[in-house]
Amino acid sequence: MRVGLAIPQYGFSVPSGEISFADTATWAHRAESLGFDAVWLSDHFLYSFARYGAGDTPIAALEPLTALAGLSAVTERLRLGVIVLGAPFRHPSLVAKAAATIDQLSGGRVEIGLGAGWLEQEFDAFGYDFGSVAERFDALEDAVSIVGGLFGGADPLTHDGRVWSLHDGRLTPPPVQAPIPLWLGGKGGPRLLRLAARTATGWNVVWRIAPEDYASRLQGVHEACAAAGRDPETFGLSVGLYGIAGASEDEARATFERARGAFPGDAMRDETWESWRADTLSGSIEQIRERAHAFAALGVDELIVSPWALPFTIAEPGQVDLFAEALLDR
């Protein structure tokens, strides 16, 4: 099982509260030196904790495709991925072209995820129609068909969609990988899994899920693969998890209390160590290994660690070292 690291990308991602590409590159270097297999970014034009009662001031965010291009030039081995690009934000042909170029820059190390988008504030701020869930999913279906088709070498490609269309599109020059891995991100509802089984490398879910809950959702994966005539062994499984690590459980619990206290707004007001540990990658070194093994036994291909109570945040650098000790002893 591969192990990836969600690296800083937002204003809240580092202790200074000010994000720059240098922060992202520094943590990519660190992840590579520690032996992580991949680093991952996400896709927001801005971030907000308004839904947690923390005010609606926009929080700075790095654009992921340009950031991945930069990381391709300063890393050598790491897989470079994004979970997930908002399908309504960019024409899928632009996503495919950018990914192919980054793949060349990196020597064949890029991975792309697509999702429907969810943060209404950024849609409004940047002039995109938020629409309904169904409308955003229409954009996702078109994007997957176009990006996946171009990645798969369909040349020329024509797709007449509800939101996005393409007529005799060509991906030239081609990427190094044939095809570039394409992930679909979401909770794993039937429509998403059917789409993933037809067109994608696999399915990614984040940031809180217990192995038992994940195991129950795998039935949907098998049903979707059967409907698509696809061998489920060829369907990739990726799980991202928040995590709090400690040399002992007591140490991890104390770190959790610091993370809980620092969380913006009141979202974690009623969270306890027990409720947090139930569906995150948290605890002592041995407890973290045990949970990772449980996901590996379910067929998960990659575990992506977000080592704090916020996504893409490294508030205490020692957490990354602890997760490396727990998960990268190969």
Protein backbone atom coordinates (compact mmCIF):
# COMPACT_ATOMS: atom_id res chain seq x y z
CA MET A 1 0.00 0.00 0.00
CA ARG A 2 1.34 3.42 -0.96
CA VAL A 3 1.41 6.19 1.64
CA GLY A 4 0.81 9.78 0.60
CA LEU A 5 0.99 13.04 2.52
CA ALA A 6 -1.43 15.97 2.21
CA ILE A 7 0.92 18.96 2.19
CA PRO A 8 0.36 22.66 3.03
CA GLN A 9 -1.61 24.72 0.53
CA TYR A 10 -3.81 27.17 2.50
CA GLY A 11 -3.41 30.09 4.83
CA PHE A 12 -4.23 27.86 7.79
CA SER A 13 -1.85 25.10 6.63
CA VAL A 14 1.29 26.28 8.45
CA PRO A 15 1.84 27.86 11.89
CA SER A 16 2.65 31.29 10.42
CA GLY A 17 -0.82 31.57 8.86
CA GLU A 18 0.78 32.80 5.62
CA ILE A 19 1.09 30.29 2.77
CA SER A 20 3.59 30.44 -0.07
CA PHE A 21 4.83 27.99 -2.66
CA ALA A 22 8.05 27.74 -0.64
CA ASP A 23 6.05 26.11 2.19
CA THR A 24 4.53 23.59 -0.22
CA ALA A 25 7.90 22.80 -1.82
CA THR A 26 9.63 22.47 1.55
CA TRP A 27 7.14 19.85 2.69
CA ALA A 28 7.32 18.00 -0.62
CA HIS A 29 11.10 17.78 -0.15
CA ARG A 30 10.62 16.58 3.41
CA ALA A 31 8.07 13.96 2.36
CA GLU A 32 10.43 12.68 -0.33
CA SER A 33 13.36 12.44 2.09
CA LEU A 34 11.24 10.54 4.65
CA GLY A 35 10.10 7.98 2.07
CA PHE A 36 6.48 8.95 1.41
CA ASP A 37 5.26 7.71 -1.96
CA ALA A 38 3.22 10.76 -2.96
CA VAL A 39 2.21 14.27 -2.00
CA TRP A 40 -1.28 15.61 -2.57
CA LEU A 41 -2.93 19.00 -2.96
CA SER A 42 -6.61 19.93 -3.27
CA ASP A 43 -8.54 22.50 -5.27
CA HIS A 44 -10.02 25.68 -3.84
CA PHE A 45 -9.76 29.23 -5.13
CA LEU A 46 -10.23 30.30 -1.53
CA TYR A 47 -11.12 28.49 1.69
CA SER A 48 -13.58 29.40 4.43
CA PHE A 49 -14.62 28.19 7.86
CA ALA A 50 -17.84 30.21 7.87
CA ARG A 51 -19.88 27.03 8.13
CA TYR A 52 -18.25 26.47 11.53
CA GLY A 53 -19.08 29.96 12.79
CA ALA A 54 -15.55 31.25 12.27
CA GLY A 55 -16.38 34.25 10.06
CA ASP A 56 -16.48 34.49 6.29
CA THR A 57 -13.11 36.13 5.58
CA PRO A 58 -11.62 34.29 2.60
CA ILE A 59 -8.52 32.22 3.36
CA ALA A 60 -5.60 32.19 0.92
CA ALA A 61 -5.12 29.17 -1.34
CA LEU A 62 -2.52 28.07 -3.89
CA GLU A 63 -3.85 26.92 -7.28
CA PRO A 64 -3.03 23.20 -7.49
CA LEU A 65 -2.13 22.62 -11.14
CA THR A 66 0.46 25.40 -11.23
CA ALA A 67 1.72 24.25 -7.83
CA LEU A 68 2.14 20.68 -9.13
CA ALA A 69 4.08 22.04 -12.10
CA GLY A 70 6.41 23.78 -9.66
CA LEU A 71 6.77 20.65 -7.52
CA SER A 72 7.66 18.62 -10.60
CA ALA A 73 10.79 20.71 -10.98
CA VAL A 74 11.96 20.39 -7.37
CA THR A 75 11.25 16.70 -6.63
CA GLU A 76 12.63 13.54 -8.19
CA ARG A 77 10.64 10.50 -7.09
CA LEU A 78 7.33 11.48 -5.48
CA ARG A 79 4.01 10.97 -7.19
CA LEU A 80 2.32 14.39 -7.50
CA GLY A 81 -1.44 14.50 -7.21
CA VAL A 82 -4.53 16.62 -6.59
CA ILE A 83 -7.66 15.40 -4.76
CA VAL A 84 -9.77 16.71 -6.27
CA LEU A 85 -10.13 19.34 -9.00
CA GLY A 86 -13.57 20.94 -9.06
CA ALA A 87 -15.10 19.90 -12.39
CA PRO A 88 -17.12 23.14 -12.81
CA PHE A 89 -14.01 25.36 -12.56
CA ARG A 90 -12.05 24.52 -15.73
CA HIS A 91 -12.86 23.15 -19.13
CA PRO A 92 -11.81 19.48 -19.00
CA SER A 93 -9.63 19.91 -22.09
CA LEU A 94 -7.56 22.48 -20.17
CA VAL A 95 -7.25 20.05 -17.25
CA ALA A 96 -6.05 17.30 -19.59
CA LYS A 97 -3.58 19.59 -21.37
CA ALA A 98 -2.16 20.93 -18.11
CA ALA A 99 -1.87 17.43 -16.65
CA ALA A 100 -0.10 16.13 -19.76
CA THR A 101 2.41 18.98 -19.55
CA ILE A 102 3.01 18.41 -15.83
CA ASP A 103 3.44 14.72 -16.59
CA GLN A 104 6.20 15.58 -19.04
CA LEU A 105 7.81 18.01 -16.59
CA SER A 106 7.81 15.38 -13.85
CA GLY A 107 8.86 12.41 -15.95
CA GLY A 108 5.52 10.66 -15.59
CA ARG A 109 4.59 11.27 -11.94
CA VAL A 110 1.28 13.17 -12.00
CA GLU A 111 -2.15 11.93 -10.83
CA ILE A 112 -5.42 13.82 -11.24
CA GLY A 113 -8.60 13.64 -9.19
CA LEU A 114 -11.95 15.13 -10.16
CA GLY A 115 -14.94 16.02 -8.01
CA ALA A 116 -18.14 18.04 -8.19
CA GLY A 117 -17.17 20.93 -5.88
CA TRP A 118 -18.99 21.97 -2.70
CA LEU A 119 -17.87 25.37 -1.31
CA GLU A 120 -20.51 27.83 -2.49
CA GLN A 121 -18.59 30.88 -1.31
CA GLU A 122 -15.77 30.32 -3.81
CA PHE A 123 -18.21 29.71 -6.66
CA ASP A 124 -19.86 33.06 -5.94
CA ALA A 125 -16.58 34.93 -5.43
CA PHE A 126 -15.05 33.77 -8.71
CA GLY A 127 -18.15 34.00 -10.87
CA TYR A 128 -19.16 30.35 -11.20
CA ASP A 129 -22.75 29.17 -11.03
CA PHE A 130 -23.04 26.96 -7.95
CA GLY A 131 -26.27 25.37 -9.16
CA SER A 132 -27.64 22.16 -7.73
CA VAL A 133 -25.78 19.01 -6.75
CA ALA A 134 -27.21 17.35 -9.87
CA GLU A 135 -25.93 20.17 -12.10
CA ARG A 136 -22.46 20.03 -10.59
CA PHE A 137 -22.47 16.28 -11.07
CA ASP A 138 -23.39 16.79 -14.73
CA ALA A 139 -20.21 18.86 -15.05
CA LEU A 140 -18.28 16.07 -13.34
CA GLU A 141 -19.64 13.41 -15.71
CA ASP A 142 -18.64 15.48 -18.73
CA ALA A 143 -15.22 16.21 -17.25
CA VAL A 144 -14.50 12.57 -16.54
CA SER A 145 -15.53 11.55 -20.05
CA ILE A 146 -13.33 14.21 -21.66
CA VAL A 147 -10.30 14.02 -19.37
CA GLY A 148 -10.43 10.22 -19.20
CA GLY A 149 -10.89 9.95 -22.94
CA LEU A 150 -7.93 12.20 -23.66
CA PHE A 151 -5.78 10.43 -21.06
CA GLY A 152 -6.74 7.11 -22.65
CA GLY A 153 -5.47 8.16 -26.05
CA ALA A 154 -8.80 8.72 -27.81
CA ASP A 155 -7.54 11.00 -30.53
CA PRO A 156 -9.44 12.84 -31.88
CA LEU A 157 -12.10 12.87 -29.15
CA THR A 158 -15.63 14.22 -29.47
CA HIS A 159 -18.01 14.56 -26.53
CA ASP A 160 -21.31 16.44 -26.54
CA GLY A 161 -22.21 16.98 -22.90
CA ARG A 162 -24.70 18.81 -20.74
CA VAL A 163 -22.04 21.20 -19.43
CA TRP A 164 -18.76 20.54 -21.26
CA SER A 165 -18.23 19.49 -24.86
CA LEU A 166 -15.26 18.72 -27.08
CA HIS A 167 -15.03 18.28 -30.84
CA ASP A 168 -12.05 16.45 -32.33
CA GLY A 169 -9.93 17.24 -29.30
CA ARG A 170 -6.32 16.02 -29.30
CA LEU A 171 -3.81 15.65 -26.49
CA THR A 172 -0.56 16.48 -28.23
CA PRO A 173 2.17 16.19 -27.18
CA PRO A 174 1.01 13.19 -25.16
CA PRO A 175 1.78 12.61 -21.50
CA VAL A 176 4.52 10.22 -20.41
CA GLN A 177 2.03 7.92 -18.68
CA ALA A 178 -0.49 6.03 -20.75
CA PRO A 179 -2.86 6.83 -19.18
CA ILE A 180 -2.39 9.35 -16.39
CA PRO A 181 -4.20 7.98 -13.30
CA LEU A 182 -7.63 9.59 -12.92
CA TRP A 183 -9.41 9.45 -9.56
CA LEU A 184 -12.98 10.35 -8.67
CA GLY A 185 -13.49 11.85 -5.25
CA GLY A 186 -16.65 11.70 -3.19
CA LYS A 187 -18.57 9.85 -0.51
CA GLY A 188 -19.22 6.87 -2.74
CA GLY A 189 -22.85 7.13 -3.76
CA PRO A 190 -24.15 4.88 -6.53
CA ARG A 191 -23.96 7.51 -9.28
CA LEU A 192 -20.35 8.39 -8.44
CA LEU A 193 -19.24 4.76 -8.23
CA ARG A 194 -20.96 3.88 -11.52
CA LEU A 195 -19.13 6.76 -13.18
CA ALA A 196 -15.82 5.76 -11.62
CA ALA A 197 -16.20 2.11 -12.64
CA ARG A 198 -16.85 3.13 -16.25
CA THR A 199 -14.13 5.71 -16.70
CA ALA A 200 -11.66 6.22 -13.85
CA THR A 201 -8.64 4.59 -12.26
CA GLY A 202 -10.55 4.40 -9.02
CA TRP A 203 -12.32 6.15 -6.14
CA ASN A 204 -10.98 8.38 -3.36
CA VAL A 205 -12.81 9.25 -0.14
CA VAL A 206 -11.67 11.68 2.62
CA TRP A 207 -11.17 12.61 5.57
CA ARG A 208 -13.00 10.57 8.18
CA ILE A 209 -14.07 6.98 7.73
CA ALA A 210 -13.66 3.85 9.83
CA PRO A 211 -12.56 0.56 8.25
CA GLU A 212 -15.92 -1.01 9.09
CA ASP A 213 -17.85 1.75 7.31
CA TYR A 214 -15.47 1.60 4.37
CA ALA A 215 -15.92 -2.16 4.10
CA SER A 216 -19.69 -1.69 3.83
CA ARG A 217 -19.24 0.80 0.98
CA LEU A 218 -17.12 -1.65 -0.99
CA GLN A 219 -20.29 -3.55 -1.85
CA GLY A 220 -21.23 -0.54 -3.94
CA VAL A 221 -17.85 -0.69 -5.66
CA HIS A 222 -18.38 -4.33 -6.61
CA GLU A 223 -21.89 -3.61 -7.86
CA ALA A 224 -20.67 -0.69 -9.98
CA CYS A 225 -17.85 -2.76 -11.45
CA ALA A 226 -20.23 -5.60 -12.26
CA ALA A 227 -22.58 -3.19 -14.05
CA ALA A 228 -19.65 -1.78 -16.04
CA GLY A 229 -18.25 -5.21 -16.87
CA ARG A 230 -15.05 -4.34 -15.01
CA ASP A 231 -12.88 -6.61 -12.89
CA PRO A 232 -12.94 -5.00 -9.41
CA GLU A 233 -9.29 -5.98 -9.00
CA THR A 234 -8.48 -3.28 -11.58
CA PHE A 235 -10.41 -0.60 -9.66
CA GLY A 236 -8.18 1.57 -7.48
CA LEU A 237 -9.05 2.44 -3.88
CA SER A 238 -7.67 5.55 -2.20
CA VAL A 239 -8.49 6.77 1.32
CA GLY A 240 -7.44 10.05 2.90
CA LEU A 241 -7.60 10.39 6.68
CA TYR A 242 -7.02 13.04 9.29
CA GLY A 243 -4.56 11.79 11.86
CA ILE A 244 -3.04 12.63 15.23
CA ALA A 245 -0.01 10.56 16.20
CA GLY A 246 1.92 10.02 19.40
CA ALA A 247 4.64 7.74 20.71
CA SER A 248 1.91 6.59 23.11
CA GLU A 249 -1.86 6.99 23.11
CA ASP A 250 -1.65 9.46 25.99
CA GLU A 251 0.74 11.60 23.94
CA ALA A 252 -1.57 11.43 20.94
CA ARG A 253 -4.54 12.38 23.12
CA ALA A 254 -2.69 15.46 24.39
CA THR A 255 -1.86 16.49 20.81
CA PHE A 256 -5.50 16.01 19.86
CA GLU A 257 -6.56 18.43 22.58
CA ARG A 258 -4.22 21.05 21.13
CA ALA A 259 -5.66 20.46 17.66
CA ARG A 260 -9.23 20.58 18.94
CA GLY A 261 -8.58 23.84 20.73
CA ALA A 262 -7.02 25.42 17.64
CA PHE A 263 -9.82 24.45 15.25
CA PRO A 264 -11.66 27.54 13.91
CA GLY A 265 -15.23 28.03 15.09
CA ASP A 266 -17.15 25.44 17.05
CA ALA A 267 -17.06 22.35 14.80
CA MET A 268 -14.98 20.36 17.30
CA ARG A 269 -16.62 21.67 20.44
CA ASP A 270 -18.25 18.33 21.24
CA GLU A 271 -15.52 16.12 19.76
CA THR A 272 -13.85 13.68 22.14
CA TRP A 273 -10.69 11.65 21.76
CA GLU A 274 -12.81 8.51 21.47
CA SER A 275 -15.06 9.90 18.72
CA TRP A 276 -12.04 11.29 16.88
CA ARG A 277 -10.08 8.04 17.03
CA ALA A 278 -13.06 6.04 15.78
CA ASP A 279 -12.80 7.23 12.18
CA THR A 280 -9.37 8.85 11.77
CA LEU A 281 -5.79 7.58 11.62
CA SER A 282 -4.97 8.48 15.21
CA GLY A 283 -3.31 7.03 18.27
CA SER A 284 0.01 5.49 19.19
CA ILE A 285 2.44 4.20 16.58
CA GLU A 286 1.05 0.70 16.99
CA GLN A 287 -2.58 1.84 16.85
CA ILE A 288 -1.89 3.74 13.63
CA ARG A 289 -0.20 0.69 12.11
CA GLU A 290 -3.14 -1.47 13.11
CA ARG A 291 -5.63 0.83 11.41
CA ALA A 292 -3.47 1.12 8.28
CA HIS A 293 -3.28 -2.68 8.10
CA ALA A 294 -7.07 -2.85 8.36
CA PHE A 295 -7.44 -0.63 5.30
CA ALA A 296 -4.76 -2.55 3.43
CA ALA A 297 -6.65 -5.78 4.13
CA LEU A 298 -9.70 -4.21 2.46
CA GLY A 299 -7.71 -3.63 -0.71
CA VAL A 300 -6.88 0.06 -0.30
CA ASP A 301 -4.06 0.97 -2.69
CA GLU A 302 -3.07 4.28 -1.10
CA LEU A 303 -3.52 5.85 2.32
CA ILE A 304 -3.18 9.66 2.31
CA VAL A 305 -2.35 11.20 5.67
CA SER A 306 -3.45 14.70 6.70
CA PRO A 307 -1.57 15.00 9.99
CA TRP A 308 -3.83 17.35 11.95
CA ALA A 309 -7.50 18.17 12.49
CA LEU A 310 -7.51 20.42 9.41
CA PRO A 311 -6.93 19.29 5.83
CA PHE A 312 -3.56 19.93 4.15
CA THR A 313 -2.16 21.27 7.41
CA ILE A 314 1.11 20.62 9.19
CA ALA A 315 0.74 22.52 12.44
CA GLU A 316 3.31 20.45 14.33
CA PRO A 317 6.11 19.12 12.11
CA GLY A 318 6.86 16.28 14.51
CA GLN A 319 3.54 14.72 13.51
CA VAL A 320 4.93 13.98 10.05
CA ASP A 321 7.94 12.21 11.55
CA LEU A 322 5.68 10.09 13.74
CA PHE A 323 3.53 9.05 10.77
CA ALA A 324 6.66 8.23 8.80
CA GLU A 325 7.79 6.00 11.67
CA ALA A 326 4.38 4.33 11.85
CA LEU A 327 3.74 3.79 8.17
CA LEU A 328 7.02 3.81 6.24
CA ASP A 329 8.96 1.04 7.99
CA ARG A 330 9.46 -1.11 4.89
